Amino acid sequence: MMQLGEIHTFRIERFTPHGAYVRGTAENILDAEELLLPSKYLPKNSQIADELTGFLMKDSSNRRVVIRDFPKLTLNTCAFLTLTELNLHGAFADWGLDKDLFIPFSEQREGIEIGETYPILLCYDPKTDRLFGSMKINRKLTAASRDIEHKNVSFLVTEHHQLGWRGIIDHQFLGMLYKNECKIPVSLGQTLSVYVSSVRPDGKVDVKISSIQPQKYDDAVARIEAYLQQHKFVYLTDKSEASEIYDRFQMSKKTFKQAIGKLYKQRKIKLFSDKIARMDE
């Protein structure tokens, strides 16, 4: 049976007045369960045996259905969502679909308010065969192993801490980015590319913004080159504010200075007091 809350590939089996019945397909093996793809999600000129990508969820009648709208998060992943309703049954958050995501009382934090945004994890309850959201993310994440040490990972910033920022690494582990390891502006809900500096005995992870790998500036160089290829110049220099550099190129000031230094040595750019230009300009 296909898993709720995930994006799958489906094959059209037959048409009905309400849409089409599809079956999940993975590695050329068809799932036994037929699922309804409502008419509003059926592509024009669809034919039997056509394959399409869809999200598996429950409709208002508690039926498993396939839709072609895609939410802001999938099963066991986390995203910042805005609360839309609080009532006697629980809380609801906008996750990008017509039907808001339900958050039971047992999965809520204290003091939440409608209109505010919170980090929420998409979970599955096998007893009820339903999806739900959880704000109690820390207790649902696993302890990291040392296998991820010295690797580049994604870091979703979920909480400001007196020592820096707490976040979720690759939707699996808790991590900490310390202030003294971060020279760029950081905000809640932001996803950063970071480097795992160490895994603590409790399974929590310490990360840094910059990687110690020798190739760490290659991406920055390519990003600046691509921008100059299109725009010819950029009003930034090594004296620019770190926030201005990050807004334009999503990199730290240190990385930016290293990258433009490399481009200058390669005679690919010209440096001015107020801008950087492509060499042929």
C-alpha atoms as a PDB file:
ATOM      1  CA  MET A   1       0.000   0.000   0.000  1.00  0.00           C
ATOM      2  CA  MET A   2       1.303   3.451  -0.926  1.00  0.00           C
ATOM      3  CA  GLN A   3       2.281   5.703   1.986  1.00  0.00           C
ATOM      4  CA  LEU A   4       0.117   8.719   2.814  1.00  0.00           C
ATOM      5  CA  GLY A   5       1.871  12.067   2.873  1.00  0.00           C
ATOM      6  CA  GLU A   6       4.359  11.265   0.136  1.00  0.00           C
ATOM      7  CA  ILE A   7       4.706  12.092  -3.548  1.00  0.00           C
ATOM      8  CA  HIS A   8       4.428   9.032  -5.787  1.00  0.00           C
ATOM      9  CA  THR A   9       4.222   8.117  -9.449  1.00  0.00           C
ATOM     10  CA  PHE A  10       0.832   6.779 -10.541  1.00  0.00           C
ATOM     11  CA  ARG A  11      -0.538   5.123 -13.678  1.00  0.00           C
ATOM     12  CA  ILE A  12      -4.047   5.789 -14.983  1.00  0.00           C
ATOM     13  CA  GLU A  13      -6.084   2.563 -14.973  1.00  0.00           C
ATOM     14  CA  ARG A  14      -9.605   3.698 -15.890  1.00  0.00           C
ATOM     15  CA  PHE A  15     -11.793   6.779 -16.125  1.00  0.00           C
ATOM     16  CA  THR A  16     -14.976   7.570 -14.182  1.00  0.00           C
ATOM     17  CA  PRO A  17     -17.385  10.540 -14.129  1.00  0.00           C
ATOM     18  CA  HIS A  18     -15.511  11.764 -11.045  1.00  0.00           C
ATOM     19  CA  GLY A  19     -12.019  11.584 -12.531  1.00  0.00           C
ATOM     20  CA  ALA A  20      -9.768   8.570 -12.939  1.00  0.00           C
ATOM     21  CA  TYR A  21      -8.623   5.609 -10.899  1.00  0.00           C
ATOM     22  CA  VAL A  22      -4.871   5.265 -10.666  1.00  0.00           C
ATOM     23  CA  ARG A  23      -2.409   2.813  -9.176  1.00  0.00           C
ATOM     24  CA  GLY A  24       0.968   3.582  -7.738  1.00  0.00           C
ATOM     25  CA  THR A  25       3.970   2.395  -9.673  1.00  0.00           C
ATOM     26  CA  ALA A  26       7.523   1.960  -8.433  1.00  0.00           C
ATOM     27  CA  GLU A  27      10.294   0.220 -10.371  1.00  0.00           C
ATOM     28  CA  ASN A  28       7.678  -0.931 -12.909  1.00  0.00           C
ATOM     29  CA  ILE A  29       5.672  -2.717 -10.182  1.00  0.00           C
ATOM     30  CA  LEU A  30       2.025  -1.670  -9.838  1.00  0.00           C
ATOM     31  CA  ASP A  31       0.479  -1.261  -6.403  1.00  0.00           C
ATOM     32  CA  ALA A  32      -2.650  -3.340  -5.782  1.00  0.00           C
ATOM     33  CA  GLU A  33      -4.722  -0.409  -4.490  1.00  0.00           C
ATOM     34  CA  GLU A  34      -6.775   1.696  -6.908  1.00  0.00           C
ATOM     35  CA  LEU A  35      -7.019   5.352  -5.879  1.00  0.00           C
ATOM     36  CA  LEU A  36      -9.244   8.155  -7.122  1.00  0.00           C
ATOM     37  CA  LEU A  37      -7.659  11.093  -8.917  1.00  0.00           C
ATOM     38  CA  PRO A  38     -10.475  13.708  -8.887  1.00  0.00           C
ATOM     39  CA  SER A  39     -11.431  15.394 -12.169  1.00  0.00           C
ATOM     40  CA  LYS A  40      -9.957  18.761 -11.140  1.00  0.00           C
ATOM     41  CA  TYR A  41      -6.486  17.181 -11.037  1.00  0.00           C
ATOM     42  CA  LEU A  42      -6.771  15.144 -14.238  1.00  0.00           C
ATOM     43  CA  PRO A  43      -4.564  16.551 -17.042  1.00  0.00           C
ATOM     44  CA  LYS A  44      -6.278  17.286 -20.346  1.00  0.00           C
ATOM     45  CA  ASN A  45      -6.101  14.590 -23.013  1.00  0.00           C
ATOM     46  CA  SER A  46      -5.084  11.969 -20.450  1.00  0.00           C
ATOM     47  CA  GLN A  47      -5.135   8.368 -21.618  1.00  0.00           C
ATOM     48  CA  ILE A  48      -5.110   4.921 -20.035  1.00  0.00           C
ATOM     49  CA  ALA A  49      -1.576   3.911 -18.952  1.00  0.00           C
ATOM     50  CA  ASP A  50      -0.376   7.531 -18.744  1.00  0.00           C
ATOM     51  CA  GLU A  51       1.892   8.120 -15.758  1.00  0.00           C
ATOM     52  CA  LEU A  52       1.772  11.185 -13.547  1.00  0.00           C
ATOM     53  CA  THR A  53       3.114  12.436 -10.230  1.00  0.00           C
ATOM     54  CA  GLY A  54       0.745  13.072  -7.341  1.00  0.00           C
ATOM     55  CA  PHE A  55       0.442  13.504  -3.583  1.00  0.00           C
ATOM     56  CA  LEU A  56      -1.415  10.847  -1.582  1.00  0.00           C
ATOM     57  CA  MET A  57      -3.725  12.093   1.187  1.00  0.00           C
ATOM     58  CA  LYS A  58      -7.205  11.697   2.721  1.00  0.00           C
ATOM     59  CA  ASP A  59     -10.180  13.716   1.448  1.00  0.00           C
ATOM     60  CA  SER A  60     -13.040  15.130   3.545  1.00  0.00           C
ATOM     61  CA  SER A  61     -14.797  11.732   3.344  1.00  0.00           C
ATOM     62  CA  ASN A  62     -11.720   9.988   4.781  1.00  0.00           C
ATOM     63  CA  ARG A  63     -10.926   8.333   1.435  1.00  0.00           C
ATOM     64  CA  ARG A  64      -7.361   7.902   0.225  1.00  0.00           C
ATOM     65  CA  VAL A  65      -7.085  10.075  -2.904  1.00  0.00           C
ATOM     66  CA  VAL A  66      -4.384  11.388  -5.205  1.00  0.00           C
ATOM     67  CA  ILE A  67      -4.109  15.117  -5.873  1.00  0.00           C
ATOM     68  CA  ARG A  68      -1.866  17.121  -8.184  1.00  0.00           C
ATOM     69  CA  ASP A  69      -1.354  19.995  -5.760  1.00  0.00           C
ATOM     70  CA  PHE A  70       1.784  19.691  -3.694  1.00  0.00           C
ATOM     71  CA  PRO A  71       2.076  20.766  -0.041  1.00  0.00           C
ATOM     72  CA  LYS A  72       4.830  22.737   1.644  1.00  0.00           C
ATOM     73  CA  LEU A  73       6.056  19.585   3.387  1.00  0.00           C
ATOM     74  CA  THR A  74       5.850  15.827   2.961  1.00  0.00           C
ATOM     75  CA  LEU A  75       5.908  12.961   5.456  1.00  0.00           C
ATOM     76  CA  ASN A  76       8.638  13.247   8.118  1.00  0.00           C
ATOM     77  CA  THR A  77       9.779  16.644   6.871  1.00  0.00           C
ATOM     78  CA  CYS A  78       9.498  20.009   8.586  1.00  0.00           C
ATOM     79  CA  ALA A  79       8.475  23.468   7.378  1.00  0.00           C
ATOM     80  CA  PHE A  80       7.344  26.771   8.843  1.00  0.00           C
ATOM     81  CA  LEU A  81       3.542  27.005   8.561  1.00  0.00           C
ATOM     82  CA  THR A  82       1.043  29.697   9.514  1.00  0.00           C
ATOM     83  CA  LEU A  83      -1.772  28.830  11.925  1.00  0.00           C
ATOM     84  CA  THR A  84      -5.201  29.497  10.428  1.00  0.00           C
ATOM     85  CA  GLU A  85      -7.564  28.248  13.144  1.00  0.00           C
ATOM     86  CA  LEU A  86      -7.748  27.218  16.797  1.00  0.00           C
ATOM     87  CA  ASN A  87     -10.872  25.428  18.022  1.00  0.00           C
ATOM     88  CA  LEU A  88     -12.138  22.726  20.386  1.00  0.00           C
ATOM     89  CA  HIS A  89     -10.683  19.989  18.188  1.00  0.00           C
ATOM     90  CA  GLY A  90      -7.156  21.359  17.839  1.00  0.00           C
ATOM     91  CA  ALA A  91      -5.207  23.707  15.577  1.00  0.00           C
ATOM     92  CA  PHE A  92      -4.994  24.024  11.815  1.00  0.00           C
ATOM     93  CA  ALA A  93      -2.155  25.306   9.641  1.00  0.00           C
ATOM     94  CA  ASP A  94      -1.844  26.337   6.001  1.00  0.00           C
ATOM     95  CA  TRP A  95       0.359  23.775   4.268  1.00  0.00           C
ATOM     96  CA  GLY A  96      -0.445  24.817   0.708  1.00  0.00           C
ATOM     97  CA  LEU A  97      -3.515  22.622   0.121  1.00  0.00           C
ATOM     98  CA  ASP A  98      -7.260  23.360   0.128  1.00  0.00           C
ATOM     99  CA  LYS A  99      -7.690  21.401   3.365  1.00  0.00           C
ATOM    100  CA  ASP A 100      -5.552  22.780   6.215  1.00  0.00           C
ATOM    101  CA  LEU A 101      -3.264  20.500   8.218  1.00  0.00           C
ATOM    102  CA  PHE A 102      -4.661  19.343  11.580  1.00  0.00           C
ATOM    103  CA  ILE A 103      -2.500  19.641  14.700  1.00  0.00           C
ATOM    104  CA  PRO A 104      -3.890  17.756  17.760  1.00  0.00           C
ATOM    105  CA  PHE A 105      -3.713  19.340  21.221  1.00  0.00           C
ATOM    106  CA  SER A 106      -1.113  16.758  22.252  1.00  0.00           C
ATOM    107  CA  GLU A 107       1.191  17.960  19.461  1.00  0.00           C
ATOM    108  CA  GLN A 108       0.906  21.695  20.148  1.00  0.00           C
ATOM    109  CA  ARG A 109       3.213  24.120  21.909  1.00  0.00           C
ATOM    110  CA  GLU A 110       1.951  26.496  24.592  1.00  0.00           C
ATOM    111  CA  GLY A 111       0.939  30.035  23.712  1.00  0.00           C
ATOM    112  CA  ILE A 112       0.353  29.545  19.978  1.00  0.00           C
ATOM    113  CA  GLU A 113      -1.692  32.163  18.102  1.00  0.00           C
ATOM    114  CA  ILE A 114      -3.615  32.357  14.840  1.00  0.00           C
ATOM    115  CA  GLY A 115      -1.615  34.129  12.136  1.00  0.00           C
ATOM    116  CA  GLU A 116       1.745  33.249  13.652  1.00  0.00           C
ATOM    117  CA  THR A 117       4.223  30.935  11.928  1.00  0.00           C
ATOM    118  CA  TYR A 118       5.750  27.856  13.590  1.00  0.00           C
ATOM    119  CA  PRO A 119       7.997  24.928  12.595  1.00  0.00           C
ATOM    120  CA  ILE A 120       5.769  21.892  12.045  1.00  0.00           C
ATOM    121  CA  LEU A 121       6.617  18.270  11.248  1.00  0.00           C
ATOM    122  CA  LEU A 122       4.281  16.166   9.077  1.00  0.00           C
ATOM    123  CA  CYS A 123       3.550  12.858  10.833  1.00  0.00           C
ATOM    124  CA  TYR A 124       1.496   9.712  10.192  1.00  0.00           C
ATOM    125  CA  ASP A 125      -0.685   7.845  12.691  1.00  0.00           C
ATOM    126  CA  PRO A 126      -0.930   4.157  11.658  1.00  0.00           C
ATOM    127  CA  LYS A 127      -3.810   3.553  14.092  1.00  0.00           C
ATOM    128  CA  THR A 128      -6.124   5.997  12.334  1.00  0.00           C
ATOM    129  CA  ASP A 129      -4.388   6.033   8.925  1.00  0.00           C
ATOM    130  CA  ARG A 130      -4.246   9.821   9.082  1.00  0.00           C
ATOM    131  CA  LEU A 131      -1.708  12.590   8.620  1.00  0.00           C
ATOM    132  CA  PHE A 132      -1.215  15.229  11.305  1.00  0.00           C
ATOM    133  CA  GLY A 133       1.137  18.048  12.155  1.00  0.00           C
ATOM    134  CA  SER A 134       3.351  18.238  15.227  1.00  0.00           C
ATOM    135  CA  MET A 135       5.041  21.204  16.866  1.00  0.00           C
ATOM    136  CA  LYS A 136       6.912  18.908  19.261  1.00  0.00           C
ATOM    137  CA  ILE A 137       9.646  18.283  16.763  1.00  0.00           C
ATOM    138  CA  ASN A 138      12.554  17.635  19.123  1.00  0.00           C
ATOM    139  CA  ARG A 139      11.102  14.448  20.581  1.00  0.00           C
ATOM    140  CA  LYS A 140      10.348  12.989  17.151  1.00  0.00           C
ATOM    141  CA  LEU A 141      13.809  13.376  15.630  1.00  0.00           C
ATOM    142  CA  THR A 142      16.460  10.685  15.812  1.00  0.00           C
ATOM    143  CA  ALA A 143      19.943  10.912  17.306  1.00  0.00           C
ATOM    144  CA  ALA A 144      22.615  11.444  14.688  1.00  0.00           C
ATOM    145  CA  SER A 145      25.485   9.033  14.156  1.00  0.00           C
ATOM    146  CA  ARG A 146      29.071   9.994  13.445  1.00  0.00           C
ATOM    147  CA  ASP A 147      28.536   8.995   9.815  1.00  0.00           C
ATOM    148  CA  ILE A 148      27.449  12.559   9.023  1.00  0.00           C
ATOM    149  CA  GLU A 149      30.530  14.231  10.525  1.00  0.00           C
ATOM    150  CA  HIS A 150      32.445  16.438   8.062  1.00  0.00           C
ATOM    151  CA  LYS A 151      29.595  16.338   5.532  1.00  0.00           C
ATOM    152  CA  ASN A 152      27.571  19.147   3.960  1.00  0.00           C
ATOM    153  CA  VAL A 153      23.903  19.082   5.006  1.00  0.00           C
ATOM    154  CA  SER A 154      20.811  21.311   4.974  1.00  0.00           C
ATOM    155  CA  PHE A 155      19.909  23.169   8.171  1.00  0.00           C
ATOM    156  CA  LEU A 156      16.388  24.537   8.765  1.00  0.00           C
ATOM    157  CA  VAL A 157      16.601  27.294  11.388  1.00  0.00           C
ATOM    158  CA  THR A 158      13.804  26.676  13.915  1.00  0.00           C
ATOM    159  CA  GLU A 159      14.761  28.523  17.100  1.00  0.00           C
ATOM    160  CA  HIS A 160      16.922  31.397  18.273  1.00  0.00           C
ATOM    161  CA  HIS A 161      19.166  30.483  21.208  1.00  0.00           C
ATOM    162  CA  GLN A 162      21.446  32.612  23.377  1.00  0.00           C
ATOM    163  CA  LEU A 163      24.419  30.745  21.901  1.00  0.00           C
ATOM    164  CA  GLY A 164      23.205  30.856  18.303  1.00  0.00           C
ATOM    165  CA  TRP A 165      20.475  29.042  16.390  1.00  0.00           C
ATOM    166  CA  ARG A 166      18.897  25.627  16.751  1.00  0.00           C
ATOM    167  CA  GLY A 167      17.658  23.804  13.695  1.00  0.00           C
ATOM    168  CA  ILE A 168      16.884  20.563  11.938  1.00  0.00           C
ATOM    169  CA  ILE A 169      19.471  18.805   9.791  1.00  0.00           C
ATOM    170  CA  ASP A 170      18.196  17.027   6.678  1.00  0.00           C
ATOM    171  CA  HIS A 171      14.762  16.715   8.363  1.00  0.00           C
ATOM    172  CA  GLN A 172      16.245  14.104  10.724  1.00  0.00           C
ATOM    173  CA  PHE A 173      18.529  15.454  13.447  1.00  0.00           C
ATOM    174  CA  LEU A 174      18.747  18.351  15.870  1.00  0.00           C
ATOM    175  CA  GLY A 175      21.613  20.740  15.287  1.00  0.00           C
ATOM    176  CA  MET A 176      23.175  23.905  16.683  1.00  0.00           C
ATOM    177  CA  LEU A 177      24.781  26.736  14.730  1.00  0.00           C
ATOM    178  CA  TYR A 178      26.833  28.881  17.110  1.00  0.00           C
ATOM    179  CA  LYS A 179      27.032  32.654  16.718  1.00  0.00           C
ATOM    180  CA  ASN A 180      30.811  32.622  16.541  1.00  0.00           C
ATOM    181  CA  GLU A 181      30.632  30.154  13.635  1.00  0.00           C
ATOM    182  CA  CYS A 182      28.232  32.298  11.621  1.00  0.00           C
ATOM    183  CA  LYS A 183      29.098  35.587   9.906  1.00  0.00           C
ATOM    184  CA  ILE A 184      25.918  35.986   7.827  1.00  0.00           C
ATOM    185  CA  PRO A 185      22.385  37.152   8.703  1.00  0.00           C
ATOM    186  CA  VAL A 186      20.209  34.258   9.891  1.00  0.00           C
ATOM    187  CA  SER A 187      16.434  34.228  10.299  1.00  0.00           C
ATOM    188  CA  LEU A 188      13.845  31.712  11.489  1.00  0.00           C
ATOM    189  CA  GLY A 189      12.531  29.492   8.720  1.00  0.00           C
ATOM    190  CA  GLN A 190      15.667  29.928   6.639  1.00  0.00           C
ATOM    191  CA  THR A 191      17.338  26.843   5.167  1.00  0.00           C
ATOM    192  CA  LEU A 192      21.126  27.004   5.102  1.00  0.00           C
ATOM    193  CA  SER A 193      23.773  24.811   3.557  1.00  0.00           C
ATOM    194  CA  VAL A 194      26.083  23.924   6.450  1.00  0.00           C
ATOM    195  CA  TYR A 195      28.981  21.679   7.377  1.00  0.00           C
ATOM    196  CA  VAL A 196      28.829  19.165  10.255  1.00  0.00           C
ATOM    197  CA  SER A 197      31.748  19.952  12.551  1.00  0.00           C
ATOM    198  CA  SER A 198      30.942  17.374  15.237  1.00  0.00           C
ATOM    199  CA  VAL A 199      28.321  14.926  16.532  1.00  0.00           C
ATOM    200  CA  ARG A 200      27.919  15.049  20.306  1.00  0.00           C
ATOM    201  CA  PRO A 201      27.513  11.949  22.528  1.00  0.00           C
ATOM    202  CA  ASP A 202      23.776  12.721  22.863  1.00  0.00           C
ATOM    203  CA  GLY A 203      23.370  12.554  19.073  1.00  0.00           C
ATOM    204  CA  LYS A 204      22.918  16.288  18.596  1.00  0.00           C
ATOM    205  CA  VAL A 205      24.975  18.007  15.944  1.00  0.00           C
ATOM    206  CA  ASP A 206      27.166  21.109  15.798  1.00  0.00           C
ATOM    207  CA  VAL A 207      27.401  22.792  12.406  1.00  0.00           C
ATOM    208  CA  LYS A 208      29.298  25.587  10.683  1.00  0.00           C
ATOM    209  CA  ILE A 209      28.343  27.715   7.711  1.00  0.00           C
ATOM    210  CA  SER A 210      31.524  27.071   5.759  1.00  0.00           C
ATOM    211  CA  SER A 211      32.943  23.714   4.718  1.00  0.00           C
ATOM    212  CA  ILE A 212      36.613  22.909   5.268  1.00  0.00           C
ATOM    213  CA  GLN A 213      36.754  21.081   1.950  1.00  0.00           C
ATOM    214  CA  PRO A 214      39.264  22.528  -0.576  1.00  0.00           C
ATOM    215  CA  GLN A 215      36.491  22.985  -3.144  1.00  0.00           C
ATOM    216  CA  LYS A 216      34.395  25.126  -0.825  1.00  0.00           C
ATOM    217  CA  TYR A 217      34.704  28.276  -2.985  1.00  0.00           C
ATOM    218  CA  ASP A 218      33.975  26.628  -6.342  1.00  0.00           C
ATOM    219  CA  ASP A 219      30.229  27.088  -6.031  1.00  0.00           C
ATOM    220  CA  ALA A 220      30.659  30.716  -4.955  1.00  0.00           C
ATOM    221  CA  VAL A 221      32.922  31.445  -7.922  1.00  0.00           C
ATOM    222  CA  ALA A 222      30.454  29.825 -10.324  1.00  0.00           C
ATOM    223  CA  ARG A 223      27.534  31.757  -8.812  1.00  0.00           C
ATOM    224  CA  ILE A 224      29.286  35.123  -9.174  1.00  0.00           C
ATOM    225  CA  GLU A 225      30.442  34.293 -12.706  1.00  0.00           C
ATOM    226  CA  ALA A 226      26.923  33.327 -13.758  1.00  0.00           C
ATOM    227  CA  TYR A 227      25.520  36.563 -12.358  1.00  0.00           C
ATOM    228  CA  LEU A 228      28.129  38.700 -14.135  1.00  0.00           C
ATOM    229  CA  GLN A 229      27.569  36.804 -17.369  1.00  0.00           C
ATOM    230  CA  GLN A 230      23.941  37.916 -17.290  1.00  0.00           C
ATOM    231  CA  HIS A 231      24.165  41.343 -15.622  1.00  0.00           C
ATOM    232  CA  LYS A 232      27.746  42.401 -16.576  1.00  0.00           C
ATOM    233  CA  PHE A 233      28.391  44.030 -13.170  1.00  0.00           C
ATOM    234  CA  VAL A 234      27.221  43.986  -9.554  1.00  0.00           C
ATOM    235  CA  TYR A 235      27.263  46.842  -7.050  1.00  0.00           C
ATOM    236  CA  LEU A 236      29.152  44.942  -4.371  1.00  0.00           C
ATOM    237  CA  THR A 237      32.778  45.001  -3.214  1.00  0.00           C
ATOM    238  CA  ASP A 238      34.872  43.457  -0.463  1.00  0.00           C
ATOM    239  CA  LYS A 239      33.850  46.473   1.648  1.00  0.00           C
ATOM    240  CA  SER A 240      30.103  45.788   1.294  1.00  0.00           C
ATOM    241  CA  GLU A 241      27.995  44.783   4.273  1.00  0.00           C
ATOM    242  CA  ALA A 242      27.713  41.037   4.902  1.00  0.00           C
ATOM    243  CA  SER A 243      23.914  41.288   4.702  1.00  0.00           C
ATOM    244  CA  GLU A 244      24.070  42.879   1.220  1.00  0.00           C
ATOM    245  CA  ILE A 245      26.365  40.118  -0.023  1.00  0.00           C
ATOM    246  CA  TYR A 246      24.173  37.399   1.410  1.00  0.00           C
ATOM    247  CA  ASP A 247      20.990  38.919  -0.045  1.00  0.00           C
ATOM    248  CA  ARG A 248      22.532  38.830  -3.522  1.00  0.00           C
ATOM    249  CA  PHE A 249      24.565  35.600  -3.515  1.00  0.00           C
ATOM    250  CA  GLN A 250      23.566  33.634  -0.368  1.00  0.00           C
ATOM    251  CA  MET A 251      27.172  33.354   0.818  1.00  0.00           C
ATOM    252  CA  SER A 252      29.225  34.768   3.660  1.00  0.00           C
ATOM    253  CA  LYS A 253      31.403  37.841   3.209  1.00  0.00           C
ATOM    254  CA  LYS A 254      34.508  35.711   3.757  1.00  0.00           C
ATOM    255  CA  THR A 255      33.508  33.314   0.976  1.00  0.00           C
ATOM    256  CA  PHE A 256      32.620  36.247  -1.301  1.00  0.00           C
ATOM    257  CA  LYS A 257      36.036  37.854  -0.804  1.00  0.00           C
ATOM    258  CA  GLN A 258      37.818  34.566  -1.502  1.00  0.00           C
ATOM    259  CA  ALA A 259      35.724  34.018  -4.637  1.00  0.00           C
ATOM    260  CA  ILE A 260      36.302  37.464  -6.137  1.00  0.00           C
ATOM    261  CA  GLY A 261      39.990  37.166  -5.282  1.00  0.00           C
ATOM    262  CA  LYS A 262      40.147  33.975  -7.307  1.00  0.00           C
ATOM    263  CA  LEU A 263      38.250  35.554 -10.217  1.00  0.00           C
ATOM    264  CA  TYR A 264      40.546  38.603 -10.135  1.00  0.00           C
ATOM    265  CA  LYS A 265      43.675  36.432 -10.265  1.00  0.00           C
ATOM    266  CA  GLN A 266      42.164  34.619 -13.243  1.00  0.00           C
ATOM    267  CA  ARG A 267      41.646  38.037 -14.913  1.00  0.00           C
ATOM    268  CA  LYS A 268      37.918  37.427 -15.231  1.00  0.00           C
ATOM    269  CA  ILE A 269      36.742  40.531 -13.360  1.00  0.00           C
ATOM    270  CA  LYS A 270      37.632  44.185 -12.847  1.00  0.00           C
ATOM    271  CA  LEU A 271      37.399  45.766  -9.402  1.00  0.00           C
ATOM    272  CA  PHE A 272      36.044  49.283  -8.879  1.00  0.00           C
ATOM    273  CA  SER A 273      35.401  51.315  -5.754  1.00  0.00           C
ATOM    274  CA  ASP A 274      31.653  50.666  -5.933  1.00  0.00           C
ATOM    275  CA  LYS A 275      31.232  47.552  -8.079  1.00  0.00           C
ATOM    276  CA  ILE A 276      32.679  44.454  -9.717  1.00  0.00           C
ATOM    277  CA  ALA A 277      32.473  44.085 -13.494  1.00  0.00           C
ATOM    278  CA  ARG A 278      33.097  41.396 -16.057  1.00  0.00           C
ATOM    279  CA  MET A 279      36.537  41.770 -17.653  1.00  0.00           C
ATOM    280  CA  ASP A 280      35.126  42.503 -21.117  1.00  0.00           C
ATOM    281  CA  GLU A 281      33.078  45.431 -19.837  1.00  0.00           C
END
